[in-house]
Amino acid sequence: MRPPQPPIKLTPLLACDPDTDTDVLWHIARHAPELRRWLVANPKADAALLEYVAQAGGPGVRDALTVLLDG
């Protein structure tokens, strides 16, 4: 997968926006560990993406997954 085309700015809002393209979500998951926790809040995040995020970890990922799974 190719990274998103400029001038896209990777932000928490982009990571949790359900209108964000799936390729961009995967790019965030692979290259922006500080934003992975926000992917968990995205209703468009499928099981494969969530599994990748859970295994890759990052700041706040465990807490975000706990909230998702307890909710």
N, C-alpha and C. Protein backbone atom coordinates (compact mmCIF):
# COMPACT_ATOMS: atom_id res chain seq x y z
N MET A 1 0.83 -1.18 0.00
CA MET A 1 0.00 0.00 0.00
C MET A 1 0.88 1.24 0.00
N ARG A 2 0.41 2.23 -0.70
CA ARG A 2 1.15 3.49 -0.77
C ARG A 2 0.64 4.43 0.30
N PRO A 3 1.50 5.33 0.77
CA PRO A 3 1.05 6.32 1.75
C PRO A 3 0.06 7.27 1.11
N PRO A 4 -0.74 7.93 1.94
CA PRO A 4 -1.69 8.89 1.38
C PRO A 4 -0.96 10.01 0.64
N GLN A 5 -1.60 10.51 -0.37
CA GLN A 5 -1.01 11.59 -1.15
C GLN A 5 -1.04 12.90 -0.37
N PRO A 6 0.04 13.68 -0.44
CA PRO A 6 0.05 14.99 0.21
C PRO A 6 -1.06 15.84 -0.36
N PRO A 7 -1.58 16.76 0.30
CA PRO A 7 -1.12 17.35 1.56
C PRO A 7 -1.86 16.82 2.78
N ILE A 8 -2.28 15.56 2.78
CA ILE A 8 -3.03 15.01 3.90
C ILE A 8 -2.20 15.08 5.18
N LYS A 9 -2.84 15.54 6.26
CA LYS A 9 -2.18 15.63 7.55
C LYS A 9 -2.78 14.55 8.45
N LEU A 10 -1.93 13.71 9.01
CA LEU A 10 -2.39 12.63 9.88
C LEU A 10 -2.69 13.20 11.26
N THR A 11 -3.98 13.11 11.65
CA THR A 11 -4.43 13.66 12.92
C THR A 11 -5.36 12.66 13.61
N PRO A 12 -5.62 12.84 14.92
CA PRO A 12 -6.59 11.99 15.59
C PRO A 12 -7.97 12.04 14.92
N LEU A 13 -8.38 13.21 14.46
CA LEU A 13 -9.68 13.34 13.81
C LEU A 13 -9.73 12.50 12.53
N LEU A 14 -8.68 12.53 11.74
CA LEU A 14 -8.62 11.72 10.52
C LEU A 14 -8.67 10.23 10.86
N ALA A 15 -7.97 9.83 11.92
CA ALA A 15 -7.90 8.42 12.31
C ALA A 15 -9.25 7.87 12.77
N CYS A 16 -10.08 8.70 13.37
CA CYS A 16 -11.37 8.18 13.86
C CYS A 16 -12.56 8.57 12.98
N ASP A 17 -12.31 9.25 11.88
CA ASP A 17 -13.37 9.66 10.96
C ASP A 17 -13.79 8.48 10.08
N PRO A 18 -15.07 8.09 10.13
CA PRO A 18 -15.53 6.95 9.32
C PRO A 18 -15.47 7.21 7.81
N ASP A 19 -15.27 8.47 7.41
CA ASP A 19 -15.16 8.78 5.99
C ASP A 19 -13.72 8.67 5.47
N THR A 20 -12.78 8.39 6.37
CA THR A 20 -11.39 8.24 5.96
C THR A 20 -11.22 6.94 5.19
N ASP A 21 -10.55 7.01 4.07
CA ASP A 21 -10.32 5.84 3.22
C ASP A 21 -9.58 4.75 4.00
N THR A 22 -9.92 3.51 3.73
CA THR A 22 -9.31 2.37 4.42
C THR A 22 -7.79 2.32 4.22
N ASP A 23 -7.31 2.68 3.03
CA ASP A 23 -5.86 2.71 2.81
C ASP A 23 -5.17 3.70 3.73
N VAL A 24 -5.82 4.82 3.98
CA VAL A 24 -5.25 5.82 4.89
C VAL A 24 -5.25 5.28 6.32
N LEU A 25 -6.31 4.58 6.72
CA LEU A 25 -6.35 3.98 8.06
C LEU A 25 -5.21 2.99 8.24
N TRP A 26 -4.97 2.17 7.23
CA TRP A 26 -3.86 1.21 7.31
C TRP A 26 -2.51 1.93 7.34
N HIS A 27 -2.38 3.00 6.61
CA HIS A 27 -1.15 3.78 6.64
C HIS A 27 -0.90 4.32 8.05
N ILE A 28 -1.94 4.84 8.67
CA ILE A 28 -1.83 5.33 10.05
C ILE A 28 -1.41 4.19 10.97
N ALA A 29 -2.06 3.04 10.82
CA ALA A 29 -1.75 1.89 11.68
C ALA A 29 -0.29 1.48 11.56
N ARG A 30 0.24 1.53 10.36
CA ARG A 30 1.62 1.07 10.14
C ARG A 30 2.67 2.12 10.45
N HIS A 31 2.34 3.40 10.29
CA HIS A 31 3.38 4.42 10.32
C HIS A 31 3.18 5.52 11.36
N ALA A 32 2.08 5.51 12.08
CA ALA A 32 1.83 6.56 13.07
C ALA A 32 1.35 5.93 14.39
N PRO A 33 2.27 5.31 15.13
CA PRO A 33 1.86 4.62 16.36
C PRO A 33 1.16 5.52 17.37
N GLU A 34 1.46 6.81 17.36
CA GLU A 34 0.81 7.74 18.28
C GLU A 34 -0.66 7.96 17.95
N LEU A 35 -1.09 7.53 16.76
CA LEU A 35 -2.50 7.69 16.36
C LEU A 35 -3.28 6.39 16.38
N ARG A 36 -2.62 5.29 16.67
CA ARG A 36 -3.31 3.98 16.62
C ARG A 36 -4.51 3.93 17.56
N ARG A 37 -4.41 4.52 18.72
CA ARG A 37 -5.54 4.46 19.67
C ARG A 37 -6.80 5.08 19.07
N TRP A 38 -6.63 6.06 18.19
CA TRP A 38 -7.78 6.72 17.59
C TRP A 38 -8.43 5.84 16.53
N LEU A 39 -7.68 4.95 15.93
CA LEU A 39 -8.25 4.01 14.95
C LEU A 39 -9.28 3.10 15.61
N VAL A 40 -9.06 2.77 16.87
CA VAL A 40 -9.98 1.89 17.60
C VAL A 40 -11.37 2.52 17.67
N ALA A 41 -11.43 3.85 17.70
CA ALA A 41 -12.72 4.55 17.78
C ALA A 41 -13.41 4.69 16.43
N ASN A 42 -12.75 4.30 15.36
CA ASN A 42 -13.31 4.45 14.03
C ASN A 42 -14.25 3.29 13.72
N PRO A 43 -15.54 3.58 13.47
CA PRO A 43 -16.48 2.49 13.17
C PRO A 43 -16.14 1.74 11.88
N LYS A 44 -15.30 2.32 11.05
CA LYS A 44 -14.91 1.68 9.80
C LYS A 44 -13.76 0.68 10.01
N ALA A 45 -13.13 0.71 11.18
CA ALA A 45 -12.01 -0.20 11.47
C ALA A 45 -12.54 -1.63 11.57
N ASP A 46 -12.07 -2.48 10.67
CA ASP A 46 -12.54 -3.87 10.68
C ASP A 46 -11.68 -4.71 11.61
N ALA A 47 -12.02 -5.99 11.71
CA ALA A 47 -11.32 -6.89 12.63
C ALA A 47 -9.83 -6.99 12.32
N ALA A 48 -9.48 -7.03 11.04
CA ALA A 48 -8.06 -7.14 10.66
C ALA A 48 -7.27 -5.91 11.11
N LEU A 49 -7.84 -4.74 10.92
CA LEU A 49 -7.16 -3.51 11.33
C LEU A 49 -7.03 -3.46 12.85
N LEU A 50 -8.10 -3.80 13.55
CA LEU A 50 -8.04 -3.79 15.01
C LEU A 50 -7.05 -4.81 15.55
N GLU A 51 -6.97 -5.96 14.91
CA GLU A 51 -6.00 -6.97 15.33
C GLU A 51 -4.57 -6.46 15.13
N TYR A 52 -4.33 -5.83 13.99
CA TYR A 52 -3.01 -5.27 13.73
C TYR A 52 -2.65 -4.22 14.80
N VAL A 53 -3.58 -3.32 15.07
CA VAL A 53 -3.35 -2.27 16.06
C VAL A 53 -3.09 -2.88 17.44
N ALA A 54 -3.86 -3.91 17.79
CA ALA A 54 -3.68 -4.57 19.09
C ALA A 54 -2.29 -5.20 19.19
N GLN A 55 -1.83 -5.82 18.13
CA GLN A 55 -0.53 -6.46 18.15
C GLN A 55 0.61 -5.46 18.06
N ALA A 56 0.43 -4.40 17.30
CA ALA A 56 1.49 -3.41 17.13
C ALA A 56 1.62 -2.52 18.36
N GLY A 57 0.50 -2.29 19.05
CA GLY A 57 0.53 -1.47 20.25
C GLY A 57 0.77 0.00 19.95
N GLY A 58 1.10 0.71 21.00
CA GLY A 58 1.33 2.15 20.88
C GLY A 58 0.71 2.85 22.06
N PRO A 59 1.00 4.14 22.21
CA PRO A 59 0.46 4.89 23.34
C PRO A 59 -1.07 4.87 23.38
N GLY A 60 -1.62 4.39 24.47
CA GLY A 60 -3.07 4.40 24.68
C GLY A 60 -3.85 3.31 23.99
N VAL A 61 -3.19 2.44 23.23
CA VAL A 61 -3.92 1.41 22.48
C VAL A 61 -4.62 0.44 23.42
N ARG A 62 -3.93 -0.02 24.43
CA ARG A 62 -4.54 -0.99 25.35
C ARG A 62 -5.79 -0.40 26.01
N ASP A 63 -5.71 0.84 26.46
CA ASP A 63 -6.87 1.48 27.09
C ASP A 63 -8.02 1.63 26.10
N ALA A 64 -7.70 2.03 24.87
CA ALA A 64 -8.75 2.20 23.85
C ALA A 64 -9.43 0.88 23.55
N LEU A 65 -8.66 -0.18 23.43
CA LEU A 65 -9.24 -1.50 23.16
C LEU A 65 -10.08 -1.98 24.35
N THR A 66 -9.66 -1.68 25.55
CA THR A 66 -10.42 -2.06 26.75
C THR A 66 -11.78 -1.37 26.74
N VAL A 67 -11.79 -0.08 26.41
CA VAL A 67 -13.06 0.66 26.34
C VAL A 67 -13.95 0.06 25.26
N LEU A 68 -13.38 -0.24 24.09
CA LEU A 68 -14.16 -0.81 22.99
C LEU A 68 -14.76 -2.16 23.38
N LEU A 69 -13.96 -3.01 23.96
CA LEU A 69 -14.42 -4.36 24.27
C LEU A 69 -15.34 -4.42 25.49
N ASP A 70 -15.18 -3.49 26.41
CA ASP A 70 -16.07 -3.44 27.58
C ASP A 70 -17.40 -2.77 27.25
N GLY A 71 -17.43 -2.01 26.14
CA GLY A 71 -18.64 -1.27 25.77
C GLY A 71 -19.52 -2.14 25.01
